[in-house]
Structure formats: C-alpha cells, structure tokens
Protein backbone atom coordinates (compact mmCIF):
# COMPACT_ATOMS: atom_id res chain seq x y z
CA UNK A 1 24.93 2.90 -50.12
CA UNK A 2 23.32 6.09 -48.71
CA UNK A 3 23.58 7.18 -45.08
CA UNK A 4 19.87 6.37 -44.58
CA UNK A 5 20.23 2.82 -45.71
CA UNK A 6 23.33 2.20 -43.65
CA UNK A 7 22.78 -0.45 -40.95
CA UNK A 8 23.72 0.35 -37.36
CA UNK A 9 26.12 -2.18 -35.90
CA UNK A 10 26.00 -3.16 -32.19
CA UNK A 11 29.64 -2.27 -31.83
CA UNK A 12 28.89 1.28 -32.99
CA UNK A 13 26.44 1.76 -30.09
CA UNK A 14 28.71 0.41 -27.41
CA UNK A 15 28.18 -2.18 -24.67
CA UNK A 16 27.66 0.42 -21.93
CA UNK A 17 24.84 2.14 -23.78
CA UNK A 18 23.21 -1.21 -24.51
CA UNK A 19 23.24 -2.16 -20.83
CA UNK A 20 21.73 1.19 -19.84
CA UNK A 21 18.97 0.82 -22.46
CA UNK A 22 18.25 -2.73 -21.31
CA UNK A 23 18.03 -1.72 -17.63
CA UNK A 24 15.72 1.19 -18.49
CA UNK A 25 13.45 -1.13 -20.46
CA UNK A 26 13.23 -3.65 -17.62
CA UNK A 27 12.46 -0.85 -15.15
CA UNK A 28 9.65 0.49 -17.34
CA UNK A 29 8.13 -2.98 -17.62
CA UNK A 30 8.21 -3.46 -13.84
CA UNK A 31 6.63 -0.05 -13.19
CA UNK A 32 3.85 -0.72 -15.70
CA UNK A 33 3.00 -4.10 -14.16
CA UNK A 34 3.20 -3.26 -10.44
CA UNK A 35 0.72 -0.72 -9.05
CA UNK A 36 2.24 0.40 -5.77
CA UNK A 37 -0.63 2.69 -4.84
CA UNK A 38 -3.16 -0.15 -5.00
CA UNK A 39 -0.88 -2.35 -2.89
CA UNK A 40 -0.45 0.31 -0.23
CA UNK A 41 -4.16 1.05 -0.28
CA UNK A 42 -4.97 -2.63 0.16
CA UNK A 43 -2.58 -2.91 3.11
CA UNK A 44 -4.06 0.20 4.72
CA UNK A 45 -7.59 -1.07 4.17
CA UNK A 46 -6.67 -4.45 5.67
CA UNK A 47 -5.12 -2.76 8.72
CA UNK A 48 -8.19 -0.57 9.24
CA UNK A 49 -10.44 -3.62 8.90
CA UNK A 50 -8.41 -5.54 11.50
CA UNK A 51 -8.56 -2.58 13.90
CA UNK A 52 -12.33 -2.35 13.43
CA UNK A 53 -12.74 -6.07 14.08
CA UNK A 54 -10.62 -5.83 17.22
CA UNK A 55 -12.71 -2.91 18.51
CA UNK A 56 -15.91 -4.77 17.73
CA UNK A 57 -14.63 -7.86 19.53
CA UNK A 58 -13.57 -5.76 22.51
CA UNK A 59 -16.98 -4.08 22.66
CA UNK A 60 -18.73 -7.44 22.46
CA UNK A 61 -16.55 -8.88 25.21
CA UNK A 62 -16.84 -5.87 27.50
CA UNK A 63 -20.57 -5.21 27.35
CA UNK A 64 -21.92 -8.68 28.15
CA UNK A 65 -25.19 -8.64 30.05
CA UNK A 66 -25.67 -10.52 33.31
CA UNK A 67 -28.19 -12.82 31.63
CA UNK A 68 -25.78 -13.70 28.82
CA UNK A 69 -23.03 -14.28 31.35
CA UNK A 70 -25.24 -16.68 33.33
CA UNK A 71 -26.19 -18.61 30.19
CA UNK A 72 -22.56 -18.89 29.12
CA UNK A 73 -21.51 -20.30 32.50
CA UNK A 74 -24.48 -22.67 32.62
CA UNK A 75 -23.68 -24.06 29.18
CA UNK A 76 -20.02 -24.62 29.98
CA UNK A 77 -20.70 -26.21 33.38
CA UNK A 78 -23.37 -28.50 31.92
CA UNK A 79 -21.01 -29.73 29.18
CA UNK A 80 -18.26 -30.43 31.73
CA UNK A 81 -20.46 -32.23 34.27
CA UNK A 82 -22.02 -34.52 31.66
CA UNK A 83 -18.54 -35.85 30.91
CA UNK A 84 -18.12 -37.01 34.52
CA UNK A 85 -18.79 -40.68 35.28
CA UNK A 86 -22.24 -41.44 36.76
CA UNK A 87 -23.50 -37.86 36.39
CA UNK A 88 -25.56 -38.60 33.30
CA UNK A 89 -27.75 -35.91 31.81
CA UNK A 90 -27.60 -32.62 33.68
CA UNK A 91 -29.29 -29.23 33.80
CA UNK A 92 -27.62 -26.23 35.41
CA UNK A 93 -28.88 -22.93 36.76
CA UNK A 94 -26.52 -20.16 37.84
CA UNK A 95 -27.45 -16.80 39.35
CA UNK A 96 -25.14 -13.83 39.66
CA UNK A 97 -25.25 -10.57 41.57
CA UNK A 98 -26.90 -7.59 39.88
CA UNK A 99 -23.87 -6.29 38.05
CA UNK A 100 -20.15 -6.51 37.64
CA UNK A 101 -17.64 -3.70 37.63
CA UNK A 102 -16.10 -1.97 34.63
CA UNK A 103 -12.89 -0.01 35.10
CA UNK A 104 -12.33 2.78 32.58
CA UNK A 105 -9.00 4.25 31.54
CA UNK A 106 -8.36 7.42 33.54
CA UNK A 107 -5.80 10.10 32.78
CA UNK A 108 -4.48 11.57 36.01
CA UNK A 109 -3.07 15.07 36.20
CA UNK A 110 -1.14 16.79 38.97
CA UNK A 111 -0.11 20.39 39.47
CA UNK A 112 1.76 21.97 42.36
CA UNK A 113 2.89 25.46 43.21
CA UNK A 114 4.79 27.08 46.06
CA UNK A 115 4.49 30.72 47.10
CA UNK A 116 6.16 32.75 49.82
CA UNK A 117 4.06 34.98 52.08
CA UNK A 118 5.43 37.77 54.26
CA UNK A 119 3.50 38.96 57.33
CA UNK A 120 3.45 42.41 58.93
CA UNK A 121 6.14 41.40 61.41
CA UNK A 122 8.61 40.68 58.63
CA UNK A 123 8.33 36.92 58.94
CA UNK A 124 7.81 34.70 55.92
CA UNK A 125 6.37 31.30 55.22
CA UNK A 126 6.04 28.99 52.25
CA UNK A 127 2.59 28.03 51.05
CA UNK A 128 2.16 24.95 48.89
CA UNK A 129 -0.84 24.31 46.70
CA UNK A 130 -1.43 20.91 45.15
CA UNK A 131 -4.18 20.03 42.71
CA UNK A 132 -4.96 16.65 41.21
CA UNK A 133 -7.46 15.81 38.50
CA UNK A 134 -8.82 12.70 36.83
CA UNK A 135 -10.27 12.60 33.33
CA UNK A 136 -12.01 9.50 31.93
CA UNK A 137 -10.78 8.56 28.45
CA UNK A 138 -13.50 7.93 25.86
CA UNK A 139 -13.55 6.10 22.54
CA UNK A 140 -15.97 5.96 19.65
CA UNK A 141 -18.23 2.89 19.66
CA UNK A 142 -19.52 1.04 16.60
CA UNK A 143 -22.64 3.21 16.42
CA UNK A 144 -20.59 6.41 16.60
CA UNK A 145 -21.35 7.32 20.20
CA UNK A 146 -18.60 8.04 22.72
CA UNK A 147 -18.19 5.46 25.49
CA UNK A 148 -15.60 5.07 28.28
CA UNK A 149 -12.50 3.12 27.23
CA UNK A 150 -12.74 0.04 29.46
CA UNK A 151 -9.38 -1.48 30.41
CA UNK A 152 -10.64 -4.09 32.86
CA UNK A 153 -13.92 -5.71 33.71
CA UNK A 154 -14.79 -7.69 36.79
CA UNK A 155 -17.62 -10.02 35.94
CA UNK A 156 -20.55 -10.37 38.35
CA UNK A 157 -19.98 -12.55 41.40
CA UNK A 158 -21.79 -15.88 41.34
CA UNK A 159 -24.64 -15.94 43.85
CA UNK A 160 -25.69 -19.59 43.62
CA UNK A 161 -25.49 -22.79 41.57
CA UNK A 162 -28.13 -25.50 41.19
CA UNK A 163 -27.32 -28.74 39.36
CA UNK A 164 -30.02 -31.26 38.50
CA UNK A 165 -28.42 -34.49 37.31
CA UNK A 166 -29.51 -38.06 36.68
CA UNK A 167 -26.82 -39.22 39.09
CA UNK A 168 -27.51 -36.47 41.62
CA UNK A 169 -29.13 -38.93 44.03
CA UNK A 170 -25.84 -40.76 44.54
CA UNK A 171 -23.88 -39.28 47.44
CA UNK A 172 -20.46 -39.75 45.82
CA UNK A 173 -21.61 -38.32 42.48
CA UNK A 174 -23.26 -35.34 44.18
CA UNK A 175 -20.07 -34.69 46.13
CA UNK A 176 -18.02 -34.80 42.92
CA UNK A 177 -20.37 -32.27 41.33
CA UNK A 178 -20.08 -29.93 44.33
CA UNK A 179 -16.29 -30.14 44.32
CA UNK A 180 -16.22 -29.42 40.57
CA UNK A 181 -18.39 -26.32 41.00
CA UNK A 182 -16.28 -25.08 43.90
CA UNK A 183 -13.09 -25.57 41.90
CA UNK A 184 -14.41 -23.81 38.80
CA UNK A 185 -16.19 -20.84 40.36
CA UNK A 186 -14.80 -20.50 43.89
CA UNK A 187 -18.33 -20.68 45.29
CA UNK A 188 -18.87 -21.65 48.96
CA UNK A 189 -20.52 -25.02 49.51
CA UNK A 190 -23.69 -23.53 51.04
CA UNK A 191 -24.42 -21.80 47.71
CA UNK A 192 -24.35 -25.05 45.72
CA UNK A 193 -27.28 -27.46 45.52
CA UNK A 194 -27.25 -30.81 43.70
CA UNK A 195 -30.56 -32.56 43.00
CA UNK A 196 -31.52 -35.82 41.35
CA UNK A 197 -33.29 -35.51 38.01
CA UNK A 198 -36.71 -37.11 37.89
CA UNK A 199 -37.24 -40.02 35.53
CA UNK A 200 -39.01 -39.10 32.32
CA UNK A 201 -42.37 -40.80 31.97
C-alpha cells in the first residue's frame, strides 16, 4: 500500500492533540453563533432608552401646571369622598395659589486668600479676602433646550376647597367631609365649604 493510501490511526495523532482540536472546534462554533457586539449594543441601547424615559418622566412630574395640579387633586378627593358612607355623589373644586416653588441644583464655590500689608510705621496686618459663588446646573430637555436641573419642587399651596355632595346637607356627613379634607391637605377649616347637591329634575 502506498503512503497516500495509508489510513491515519487515532493513536498516531495522540489524545492530547485530539483534545486540543476538539476544544478549538467548539470555540469556533461558539464564536460563530454568539455575536457579542450586538449583545453589547442592545444593552447600551436599552440603558440609554431607560435613561431617556426617566428624564421624560422627571420632566413631566416637575413641570406640572397649576391647573393640572388642581384637576389631579379634585379627581382624587372626589373618588375618596364618594367611598364614604352617606356622602353619595360628589363634585369637588380646589383652588391653589398662583405658583409653587422649584429648587434647582446649585454648585457653590468658595475661594479665600490672605495677604500681609505693611504700613509706613513698620507695622503689619493680615488682610483676608473671601469670595463665594453660586452656579445653577442645567440639563438638556426633551426638545434640546437647556433648563435648570430641578432637585425639589414645592407644589402650590391649596387656597380653598369646595365639596358639593348629595349627603352634604347632613351635619355629621358634612363634618366627616371637612375632617377628611383637613387630614389630606392640611387646610384650615375656614377654607373648606361643604354644600348639599341639588336633586336632579
């Protein structure tokens, strides 16, 4: 038999070489199946999307108008009061002061220096100079404009609450409504008015 036609036996190759060849083959298969760049890109894209959603949510929460704030409170108070016994159907009106207060993130800086001055008599004195500065931190909004980075917002103070309820004519029910409003909004009693709803014709 010629050298070309001679079969190669496994024992001629050696077990160590076979294991190395097998490991290399498995590694090549794994690398061809898994695309690490796409996976990393997907994770990065997901992270950026989450950050964008958080910024959008923050912007929506921070820049609520007074009118929207009033409507939100009215809706929530109405739904709560209508669950109370003997209140029945209710309508709520809430007014707030003109505006709330938004507190932006401020970077504070401080510099100080000391110098020695000598007068004509040979005396000396130390002179201290102190300078402080405040810089408002800005961030890019959804439309690309730069807006102050708000870290805290005080919503407008409630000016008055009017509740018109089917059970508003009952003294006990009206008192329960007043106490509920005072507990929820910390509004003084003279700024709360409960009225009886007229019967529909």
